[in-house]
């Protein structure tokens, strides 16, 4: 069953592939605690001890890595749907 046209489904395929690459790599960088991504962590501005800061940063890195990987998996479903729509559109010639 067709829901999308050929151009829209091709756009969905391309954006899904880019989303998977982008979010999977960001998840890897969060998992390995990249210092460049420190500003994107959901942590407070100041802490009373360094141990509290490191604990909050560890939890933030882990949470953000998991969120990126979940979003990348959602893009896999979008890729599958867009690919199917592209296939259906390429098979029906009017």
PDB file of N, CA and C in Angstrom:
ATOM      1  N   UNK A   1       0.841  -1.171   0.000  1.00  0.00           N
ATOM      2  CA  UNK A   1       0.000   0.000   0.000  1.00  0.00           C
ATOM      3  C   UNK A   1       0.890   1.239   0.000  1.00  0.00           C
ATOM      4  N   UNK A   2       0.599   2.149  -0.891  1.00  0.00           N
ATOM      5  CA  UNK A   2       1.401   3.355  -1.011  1.00  0.00           C
ATOM      6  C   UNK A   2       0.899   4.436  -0.053  1.00  0.00           C
ATOM      7  N   UNK A   3       1.822   4.984   0.739  1.00  0.00           N
ATOM      8  CA  UNK A   3       1.523   6.121   1.591  1.00  0.00           C
ATOM      9  C   UNK A   3       2.295   7.354   1.125  1.00  0.00           C
ATOM     10  N   UNK A   4       3.472   7.127   0.584  1.00  0.00           N
ATOM     11  CA  UNK A   4       4.371   8.212   0.189  1.00  0.00           C
ATOM     12  C   UNK A   4       4.666   8.102  -1.306  1.00  0.00           C
ATOM     13  N   UNK A   5       4.988   9.235  -1.890  1.00  0.00           N
ATOM     14  CA  UNK A   5       5.399   9.239  -3.280  1.00  0.00           C
ATOM     15  C   UNK A   5       6.851   8.831  -3.423  1.00  0.00           C
ATOM     16  N   UNK A   6       7.339   8.717  -4.644  1.00  0.00           N
ATOM     17  CA  UNK A   6       8.712   8.252  -4.857  1.00  0.00           C
ATOM     18  C   UNK A   6       9.769   9.234  -4.333  1.00  0.00           C
ATOM     19  N   UNK A   7       9.542  10.528  -4.512  1.00  0.00           N
ATOM     20  CA  UNK A   7      10.531  11.501  -4.034  1.00  0.00           C
ATOM     21  C   UNK A   7      10.553  11.586  -2.520  1.00  0.00           C
ATOM     22  N   UNK A   8       9.376  11.546  -1.917  1.00  0.00           N
ATOM     23  CA  UNK A   8       9.291  11.621  -0.456  1.00  0.00           C
ATOM     24  C   UNK A   8       9.894  10.388   0.201  1.00  0.00           C
ATOM     25  N   UNK A   9       9.653   9.220  -0.389  1.00  0.00           N
ATOM     26  CA  UNK A   9      10.218   8.000   0.188  1.00  0.00           C
ATOM     27  C   UNK A   9      11.736   7.958   0.023  1.00  0.00           C
ATOM     28  N   UNK A  10      12.245   8.458  -1.103  1.00  0.00           N
ATOM     29  CA  UNK A  10      13.695   8.521  -1.286  1.00  0.00           C
ATOM     30  C   UNK A  10      14.312   9.501  -0.286  1.00  0.00           C
ATOM     31  N   UNK A  11      13.650  10.622  -0.047  1.00  0.00           N
ATOM     32  CA  UNK A  11      14.120  11.578   0.957  1.00  0.00           C
ATOM     33  C   UNK A  11      14.144  10.928   2.345  1.00  0.00           C
ATOM     34  N   UNK A  12      13.113  10.142   2.657  1.00  0.00           N
ATOM     35  CA  UNK A  12      13.074   9.427   3.936  1.00  0.00           C
ATOM     36  C   UNK A  12      14.203   8.434   4.081  1.00  0.00           C
ATOM     37  N   UNK A  13      14.558   7.757   2.997  1.00  0.00           N
ATOM     38  CA  UNK A  13      15.675   6.807   3.026  1.00  0.00           C
ATOM     39  C   UNK A  13      16.987   7.535   3.319  1.00  0.00           C
ATOM     40  N   UNK A  14      17.213   8.636   2.618  1.00  0.00           N
ATOM     41  CA  UNK A  14      18.469   9.379   2.781  1.00  0.00           C
ATOM     42  C   UNK A  14      18.576   9.970   4.182  1.00  0.00           C
ATOM     43  N   UNK A  15      17.500  10.586   4.656  1.00  0.00           N
ATOM     44  CA  UNK A  15      17.534  11.174   5.999  1.00  0.00           C
ATOM     45  C   UNK A  15      17.678  10.097   7.066  1.00  0.00           C
ATOM     46  N   UNK A  16      17.053   8.951   6.874  1.00  0.00           N
ATOM     47  CA  UNK A  16      17.169   7.857   7.845  1.00  0.00           C
ATOM     48  C   UNK A  16      18.596   7.328   7.921  1.00  0.00           C
ATOM     49  N   UNK A  17      19.233   7.176   6.780  1.00  0.00           N
ATOM     50  CA  UNK A  17      20.622   6.702   6.783  1.00  0.00           C
ATOM     51  C   UNK A  17      21.519   7.693   7.509  1.00  0.00           C
ATOM     52  N   UNK A  18      21.329   8.975   7.220  1.00  0.00           N
ATOM     53  CA  UNK A  18      22.145   9.989   7.894  1.00  0.00           C
ATOM     54  C   UNK A  18      21.846  10.003   9.396  1.00  0.00           C
ATOM     55  N   UNK A  19      20.581   9.869   9.785  1.00  0.00           N
ATOM     56  CA  UNK A  19      20.228   9.857  11.200  1.00  0.00           C
ATOM     57  C   UNK A  19      20.846   8.682  11.941  1.00  0.00           C
ATOM     58  N   UNK A  20      20.873   7.526  11.304  1.00  0.00           N
ATOM     59  CA  UNK A  20      21.484   6.350  11.931  1.00  0.00           C
ATOM     60  C   UNK A  20      22.975   6.570  12.141  1.00  0.00           C
ATOM     61  N   UNK A  21      23.653   7.077  11.115  1.00  0.00           N
ATOM     62  CA  UNK A  21      25.097   7.322  11.222  1.00  0.00           C
ATOM     63  C   UNK A  21      25.381   8.360  12.304  1.00  0.00           C
ATOM     64  N   UNK A  22      24.669   9.481  12.267  1.00  0.00           N
ATOM     65  CA  UNK A  22      24.892  10.573  13.204  1.00  0.00           C
ATOM     66  C   UNK A  22      24.634  10.145  14.649  1.00  0.00           C
ATOM     67  N   UNK A  23      23.480   9.560  14.906  1.00  0.00           N
ATOM     68  CA  UNK A  23      23.117   9.228  16.278  1.00  0.00           C
ATOM     69  C   UNK A  23      23.915   8.042  16.821  1.00  0.00           C
ATOM     70  N   UNK A  24      24.251   7.090  15.980  1.00  0.00           N
ATOM     71  CA  UNK A  24      25.073   5.970  16.456  1.00  0.00           C
ATOM     72  C   UNK A  24      26.477   6.455  16.821  1.00  0.00           C
ATOM     73  N   UNK A  25      27.039   7.338  16.010  1.00  0.00           N
ATOM     74  CA  UNK A  25      28.375   7.852  16.331  1.00  0.00           C
ATOM     75  C   UNK A  25      28.331   8.753  17.574  1.00  0.00           C
ATOM     76  N   UNK A  26      27.292   9.553  17.717  1.00  0.00           N
ATOM     77  CA  UNK A  26      27.184  10.363  18.931  1.00  0.00           C
ATOM     78  C   UNK A  26      27.023   9.489  20.167  1.00  0.00           C
ATOM     79  N   UNK A  27      26.270   8.400  20.043  1.00  0.00           N
ATOM     80  CA  UNK A  27      26.133   7.466  21.154  1.00  0.00           C
ATOM     81  C   UNK A  27      27.465   6.847  21.543  1.00  0.00           C
ATOM     82  N   UNK A  28      28.277   6.537  20.551  1.00  0.00           N
ATOM     83  CA  UNK A  28      29.608   5.989  20.833  1.00  0.00           C
ATOM     84  C   UNK A  28      30.468   7.032  21.538  1.00  0.00           C
ATOM     85  N   UNK A  29      30.418   8.273  21.067  1.00  0.00           N
ATOM     86  CA  UNK A  29      31.209   9.327  21.700  1.00  0.00           C
ATOM     87  C   UNK A  29      30.747   9.595  23.130  1.00  0.00           C
ATOM     88  N   UNK A  30      29.435   9.563  23.378  1.00  0.00           N
ATOM     89  CA  UNK A  30      28.947   9.704  24.757  1.00  0.00           C
ATOM     90  C   UNK A  30      29.377   8.516  25.599  1.00  0.00           C
ATOM     91  N   UNK A  31      29.346   7.323  25.029  1.00  0.00           N
ATOM     92  CA  UNK A  31      29.725   6.127  25.781  1.00  0.00           C
ATOM     93  C   UNK A  31      31.186   6.191  26.226  1.00  0.00           C
ATOM     94  N   UNK A  32      32.055   6.734  25.372  1.00  0.00           N
ATOM     95  CA  UNK A  32      33.466   6.857  25.718  1.00  0.00           C
ATOM     96  C   UNK A  32      33.788   8.185  26.389  1.00  0.00           C
ATOM     97  N   UNK A  33      32.739   8.930  26.800  1.00  0.00           N
ATOM     98  CA  UNK A  33      32.860  10.148  27.598  1.00  0.00           C
ATOM     99  C   UNK A  33      33.715  11.219  26.926  1.00  0.00           C
ATOM    100  N   UNK A  34      33.344  11.582  25.731  1.00  0.00           N
ATOM    101  CA  UNK A  34      34.050  12.618  24.985  1.00  0.00           C
ATOM    102  C   UNK A  34      33.899  13.963  25.699  1.00  0.00           C
ATOM    103  N   UNK A  35      35.015  14.627  25.940  1.00  0.00           N
ATOM    104  CA  UNK A  35      35.009  15.907  26.652  1.00  0.00           C
ATOM    105  C   UNK A  35      34.306  16.981  25.813  1.00  0.00           C
ATOM    106  N   UNK A  36      34.336  16.865  24.501  1.00  0.00           N
ATOM    107  CA  UNK A  36      33.693  17.848  23.631  1.00  0.00           C
ATOM    108  C   UNK A  36      32.180  17.881  23.839  1.00  0.00           C
ATOM    109  N   UNK A  37      31.594  16.817  24.335  1.00  0.00           N
ATOM    110  CA  UNK A  37      30.152  16.754  24.539  1.00  0.00           C
ATOM    111  C   UNK A  37      29.740  17.058  25.974  1.00  0.00           C
ATOM    112  N   UNK A  38      30.671  17.506  26.799  1.00  0.00           N
ATOM    113  CA  UNK A  38      30.392  17.777  28.207  1.00  0.00           C
ATOM    114  C   UNK A  38      29.322  18.847  28.382  1.00  0.00           C
ATOM    115  N   UNK A  39      29.307  19.849  27.514  1.00  0.00           N
ATOM    116  CA  UNK A  39      28.331  20.933  27.639  1.00  0.00           C
ATOM    117  C   UNK A  39      26.903  20.475  27.363  1.00  0.00           C
ATOM    118  N   UNK A  40      26.731  19.347  26.710  1.00  0.00           N
ATOM    119  CA  UNK A  40      25.402  18.845  26.375  1.00  0.00           C
ATOM    120  C   UNK A  40      24.831  17.913  27.435  1.00  0.00           C
ATOM    121  N   UNK A  41      25.547  17.706  28.520  1.00  0.00           N
ATOM    122  CA  UNK A  41      25.063  16.819  29.570  1.00  0.00           C
ATOM    123  C   UNK A  41      24.041  17.534  30.449  1.00  0.00           C
ATOM    124  N   UNK A  42      23.037  16.796  30.924  1.00  0.00           N
ATOM    125  CA  UNK A  42      22.039  17.405  31.819  1.00  0.00           C
ATOM    126  C   UNK A  42      22.533  17.435  33.268  1.00  0.00           C
ATOM    127  N   UNK A  43      23.519  18.289  33.532  1.00  0.00           N
ATOM    128  CA  UNK A  43      24.069  18.400  34.885  1.00  0.00           C
ATOM    129  C   UNK A  43      23.941  19.843  35.361  1.00  0.00           C
ATOM    130  N   UNK A  44      24.094  20.036  36.672  1.00  0.00           N
ATOM    131  CA  UNK A  44      23.986  21.361  37.270  1.00  0.00           C
ATOM    132  C   UNK A  44      25.245  22.180  36.999  1.00  0.00           C
ATOM    133  N   UNK A  45      25.172  23.456  37.323  1.00  0.00           N
ATOM    134  CA  UNK A  45      26.301  24.357  37.078  1.00  0.00           C
ATOM    135  C   UNK A  45      27.437  24.162  38.070  1.00  0.00           C
ATOM    136  N   UNK A  46      27.116  23.910  39.355  1.00  0.00           N
ATOM    137  CA  UNK A  46      28.183  23.784  40.363  1.00  0.00           C
ATOM    138  C   UNK A  46      27.874  22.629  41.314  1.00  0.00           C
ATOM    139  N   UNK A  47      28.946  22.071  41.846  1.00  0.00           N
ATOM    140  CA  UNK A  47      28.853  20.969  42.801  1.00  0.00           C
ATOM    141  C   UNK A  47      29.787  21.274  43.963  1.00  0.00           C
ATOM    142  N   UNK A  48      29.455  20.709  45.129  1.00  0.00           N
ATOM    143  CA  UNK A  48      30.264  20.987  46.312  1.00  0.00           C
ATOM    144  C   UNK A  48      31.555  20.172  46.334  1.00  0.00           C
ATOM    145  N   UNK A  49      31.545  18.995  45.731  1.00  0.00           N
ATOM    146  CA  UNK A  49      32.763  18.177  45.688  1.00  0.00           C
ATOM    147  C   UNK A  49      32.978  17.674  44.261  1.00  0.00           C
ATOM    148  N   UNK A  50      34.228  17.416  43.921  1.00  0.00           N
ATOM    149  CA  UNK A  50      34.495  16.856  42.583  1.00  0.00           C
ATOM    150  C   UNK A  50      33.840  15.484  42.376  1.00  0.00           C
ATOM    151  N   UNK A  51      33.733  14.717  43.456  1.00  0.00           N
ATOM    152  CA  UNK A  51      33.123  13.393  43.345  1.00  0.00           C
ATOM    153  C   UNK A  51      31.664  13.500  42.886  1.00  0.00           C
ATOM    154  N   UNK A  52      30.929  14.469  43.408  1.00  0.00           N
ATOM    155  CA  UNK A  52      29.539  14.668  42.980  1.00  0.00           C
ATOM    156  C   UNK A  52      29.470  15.031  41.500  1.00  0.00           C
ATOM    157  N   UNK A  53      30.393  15.876  41.053  1.00  0.00           N
ATOM    158  CA  UNK A  53      30.420  16.258  39.648  1.00  0.00           C
ATOM    159  C   UNK A  53      30.706  15.049  38.756  1.00  0.00           C
ATOM    160  N   UNK A  54      31.700  14.248  39.126  1.00  0.00           N
ATOM    161  CA  UNK A  54      32.045  13.079  38.314  1.00  0.00           C
ATOM    162  C   UNK A  54      30.899  12.064  38.280  1.00  0.00           C
ATOM    163  N   UNK A  55      30.221  11.895  39.407  1.00  0.00           N
ATOM    164  CA  UNK A  55      29.089  10.976  39.447  1.00  0.00           C
ATOM    165  C   UNK A  55      27.959  11.449  38.538  1.00  0.00           C
ATOM    166  N   UNK A  56      27.654  12.758  38.598  1.00  0.00           N
ATOM    167  CA  UNK A  56      26.598  13.314  37.751  1.00  0.00           C
ATOM    168  C   UNK A  56      26.999  13.259  36.271  1.00  0.00           C
ATOM    169  N   UNK A  57      28.264  13.515  35.972  1.00  0.00           N
ATOM    170  CA  UNK A  57      28.730  13.466  34.591  1.00  0.00           C
ATOM    171  C   UNK A  57      28.665  12.043  34.043  1.00  0.00           C
ATOM    172  N   UNK A  58      29.057  11.064  34.846  1.00  0.00           N
ATOM    173  CA  UNK A  58      28.974   9.659  34.419  1.00  0.00           C
ATOM    174  C   UNK A  58      27.530   9.278  34.091  1.00  0.00           C
ATOM    175  N   UNK A  59      26.610   9.668  34.955  1.00  0.00           N
ATOM    176  CA  UNK A  59      25.201   9.347  34.718  1.00  0.00           C
ATOM    177  C   UNK A  59      24.685  10.067  33.475  1.00  0.00           C
ATOM    178  N   UNK A  60      25.093  11.315  33.286  1.00  0.00           N
ATOM    179  CA  UNK A  60      24.675  12.065  32.107  1.00  0.00           C
ATOM    180  C   UNK A  60      25.198  11.472  30.817  1.00  0.00           C
ATOM    181  N   UNK A  61      26.462  11.075  30.808  1.00  0.00           N
ATOM    182  CA  UNK A  61      27.026  10.436  29.617  1.00  0.00           C
ATOM    183  C   UNK A  61      26.281   9.138  29.284  1.00  0.00           C
ATOM    184  N   UNK A  62      26.018   8.348  30.311  1.00  0.00           N
ATOM    185  CA  UNK A  62      25.332   7.067  30.094  1.00  0.00           C
ATOM    186  C   UNK A  62      23.913   7.301  29.562  1.00  0.00           C
ATOM    187  N   UNK A  63      23.202   8.259  30.140  1.00  0.00           N
ATOM    188  CA  UNK A  63      21.841   8.558  29.709  1.00  0.00           C
ATOM    189  C   UNK A  63      21.813   9.059  28.269  1.00  0.00           C
ATOM    190  N   UNK A  64      22.698   9.986  27.948  1.00  0.00           N
ATOM    191  CA  UNK A  64      22.722  10.530  26.592  1.00  0.00           C
ATOM    192  C   UNK A  64      23.126   9.474  25.559  1.00  0.00           C
ATOM    193  N   UNK A  65      24.059   8.596  25.913  1.00  0.00           N
ATOM    194  CA  UNK A  65      24.451   7.521  24.992  1.00  0.00           C
ATOM    195  C   UNK A  65      23.266   6.600  24.712  1.00  0.00           C
ATOM    196  N   UNK A  66      22.540   6.243  25.759  1.00  0.00           N
ATOM    197  CA  UNK A  66      21.389   5.371  25.578  1.00  0.00           C
ATOM    198  C   UNK A  66      20.303   6.060  24.747  1.00  0.00           C
ATOM    199  N   UNK A  67      20.064   7.334  24.979  1.00  0.00           N
ATOM    200  CA  UNK A  67      19.063   8.068  24.200  1.00  0.00           C
ATOM    201  C   UNK A  67      19.449   8.143  22.724  1.00  0.00           C
ATOM    202  N   UNK A  68      20.723   8.344  22.437  1.00  0.00           N
ATOM    203  CA  UNK A  68      21.176   8.391  21.040  1.00  0.00           C
ATOM    204  C   UNK A  68      20.985   7.043  20.364  1.00  0.00           C
ATOM    205  N   UNK A  69      21.296   5.975  21.054  1.00  0.00           N
ATOM    206  CA  UNK A  69      21.141   4.651  20.457  1.00  0.00           C
ATOM    207  C   UNK A  69      19.672   4.292  20.249  1.00  0.00           C
ATOM    208  N   UNK A  70      18.809   4.706  21.167  1.00  0.00           N
ATOM    209  CA  UNK A  70      17.373   4.461  20.989  1.00  0.00           C
ATOM    210  C   UNK A  70      16.862   5.221  19.779  1.00  0.00           C
ATOM    211  N   UNK A  71      17.282   6.479  19.648  1.00  0.00           N
ATOM    212  CA  UNK A  71      16.860   7.275  18.492  1.00  0.00           C
ATOM    213  C   UNK A  71      17.396   6.683  17.188  1.00  0.00           C
ATOM    214  N   UNK A  72      18.620   6.150  17.204  1.00  0.00           N
ATOM    215  CA  UNK A  72      19.168   5.505  16.011  1.00  0.00           C
ATOM    216  C   UNK A  72      18.344   4.274  15.647  1.00  0.00           C
ATOM    217  N   UNK A  73      17.880   3.525  16.637  1.00  0.00           N
ATOM    218  CA  UNK A  73      17.023   2.366  16.357  1.00  0.00           C
ATOM    219  C   UNK A  73      15.687   2.795  15.770  1.00  0.00           C
ATOM    220  N   UNK A  74      15.154   3.918  16.223  1.00  0.00           N
ATOM    221  CA  UNK A  74      13.916   4.424  15.622  1.00  0.00           C
ATOM    222  C   UNK A  74      14.133   4.818  14.171  1.00  0.00           C
ATOM    223  N   UNK A  75      15.315   5.341  13.868  1.00  0.00           N
ATOM    224  CA  UNK A  75      15.625   5.660  12.477  1.00  0.00           C
ATOM    225  C   UNK A  75      15.747   4.397  11.626  1.00  0.00           C
ATOM    226  N   UNK A  76      16.113   3.282  12.218  1.00  0.00           N
ATOM    227  CA  UNK A  76      16.151   2.015  11.477  1.00  0.00           C
ATOM    228  C   UNK A  76      14.738   1.648  11.020  1.00  0.00           C
ATOM    229  N   UNK A  77      13.755   1.835  11.899  1.00  0.00           N
ATOM    230  CA  UNK A  77      12.370   1.566  11.509  1.00  0.00           C
ATOM    231  C   UNK A  77      11.906   2.532  10.424  1.00  0.00           C
ATOM    232  N   UNK A  78      12.304   3.792  10.541  1.00  0.00           N
ATOM    233  CA  UNK A  78      11.961   4.768   9.511  1.00  0.00           C
ATOM    234  C   UNK A  78      12.615   4.392   8.180  1.00  0.00           C
ATOM    235  N   UNK A  79      13.852   3.923   8.233  1.00  0.00           N
ATOM    236  CA  UNK A  79      14.540   3.475   7.024  1.00  0.00           C
ATOM    237  C   UNK A  79      13.814   2.299   6.389  1.00  0.00           C
ATOM    238  N   UNK A  80      13.376   1.357   7.207  1.00  0.00           N
ATOM    239  CA  UNK A  80      12.667   0.190   6.672  1.00  0.00           C
ATOM    240  C   UNK A  80      11.359   0.618   6.010  1.00  0.00           C
ATOM    241  N   UNK A  81      10.613   1.507   6.654  1.00  0.00           N
ATOM    242  CA  UNK A  81       9.355   1.966   6.078  1.00  0.00           C
ATOM    243  C   UNK A  81       9.596   2.755   4.798  1.00  0.00           C
ATOM    244  N   UNK A  82      10.553   3.654   4.807  1.00  0.00           N
ATOM    245  CA  UNK A  82      10.832   4.461   3.612  1.00  0.00           C
ATOM    246  C   UNK A  82      11.353   3.596   2.469  1.00  0.00           C
ATOM    247  N   UNK A  83      12.162   2.609   2.796  1.00  0.00           N
ATOM    248  CA  UNK A  83      12.667   1.703   1.759  1.00  0.00           C
ATOM    249  C   UNK A  83      11.534   0.891   1.143  1.00  0.00           C
ATOM    250  N   UNK A  84      10.632   0.441   1.982  1.00  0.00           N
ATOM    251  CA  UNK A  84       9.480  -0.299   1.472  1.00  0.00           C
ATOM    252  C   UNK A  84       8.634   0.589   0.566  1.00  0.00           C
ATOM    253  N   UNK A  85       8.406   1.817   0.981  1.00  0.00           N
ATOM    254  CA  UNK A  85       7.629   2.742   0.161  1.00  0.00           C
ATOM    255  C   UNK A  85       8.343   3.039  -1.160  1.00  0.00           C
ATOM    256  N   UNK A  86       9.652   3.181  -1.112  1.00  0.00           N
ATOM    257  CA  UNK A  86      10.411   3.409  -2.335  1.00  0.00           C
ATOM    258  C   UNK A  86      10.291   2.203  -3.266  1.00  0.00           C
ATOM    259  N   UNK A  87      10.352   1.004  -2.700  1.00  0.00           N
ATOM    260  CA  UNK A  87      10.207  -0.226  -3.487  1.00  0.00           C
ATOM    261  C   UNK A  87       8.815  -0.305  -4.115  1.00  0.00           C
ATOM    262  N   UNK A  88       7.797  -0.017  -3.326  1.00  0.00           N
ATOM    263  CA  UNK A  88       6.425  -0.069  -3.840  1.00  0.00           C
ATOM    264  C   UNK A  88       6.246   0.947  -4.959  1.00  0.00           C
ATOM    265  N   UNK A  89       6.795   2.134  -4.799  1.00  0.00           N
ATOM    266  CA  UNK A  89       6.670   3.167  -5.832  1.00  0.00           C
ATOM    267  C   UNK A  89       7.443   2.802  -7.101  1.00  0.00           C
ATOM    268  N   UNK A  90       8.549   2.121  -6.966  1.00  0.00           N
ATOM    269  CA  UNK A  90       9.330   1.753  -8.141  1.00  0.00           C
ATOM    270  C   UNK A  90       8.694   0.574  -8.891  1.00  0.00           C
ATOM    271  N   UNK A  91       7.894  -0.214  -8.220  1.00  0.00           N
ATOM    272  CA  UNK A  91       7.257  -1.373  -8.848  1.00  0.00           C
ATOM    273  C   UNK A  91       5.987  -0.994  -9.592  1.00  0.00           C
ATOM    274  N   UNK A  92       5.348   0.089  -9.233  1.00  0.00           N
ATOM    275  CA  UNK A  92       4.093   0.472  -9.870  1.00  0.00           C
ATOM    276  C   UNK A  92       4.354   1.573 -10.883  1.00  0.00           C
ATOM    277  N   UNK A  93       4.303   1.231 -12.125  1.00  0.00           N
ATOM    278  CA  UNK A  93       4.476   2.206 -13.204  1.00  0.00           C
ATOM    279  C   UNK A  93       3.104   2.490 -13.815  1.00  0.00           C
ATOM    280  N   UNK A  94       2.747   3.729 -13.823  1.00  0.00           N
ATOM    281  CA  UNK A  94       1.436   4.098 -14.356  1.00  0.00           C
ATOM    282  C   UNK A  94       1.571   4.626 -15.757  1.00  0.00           C
TER     283      UNK A  94
END
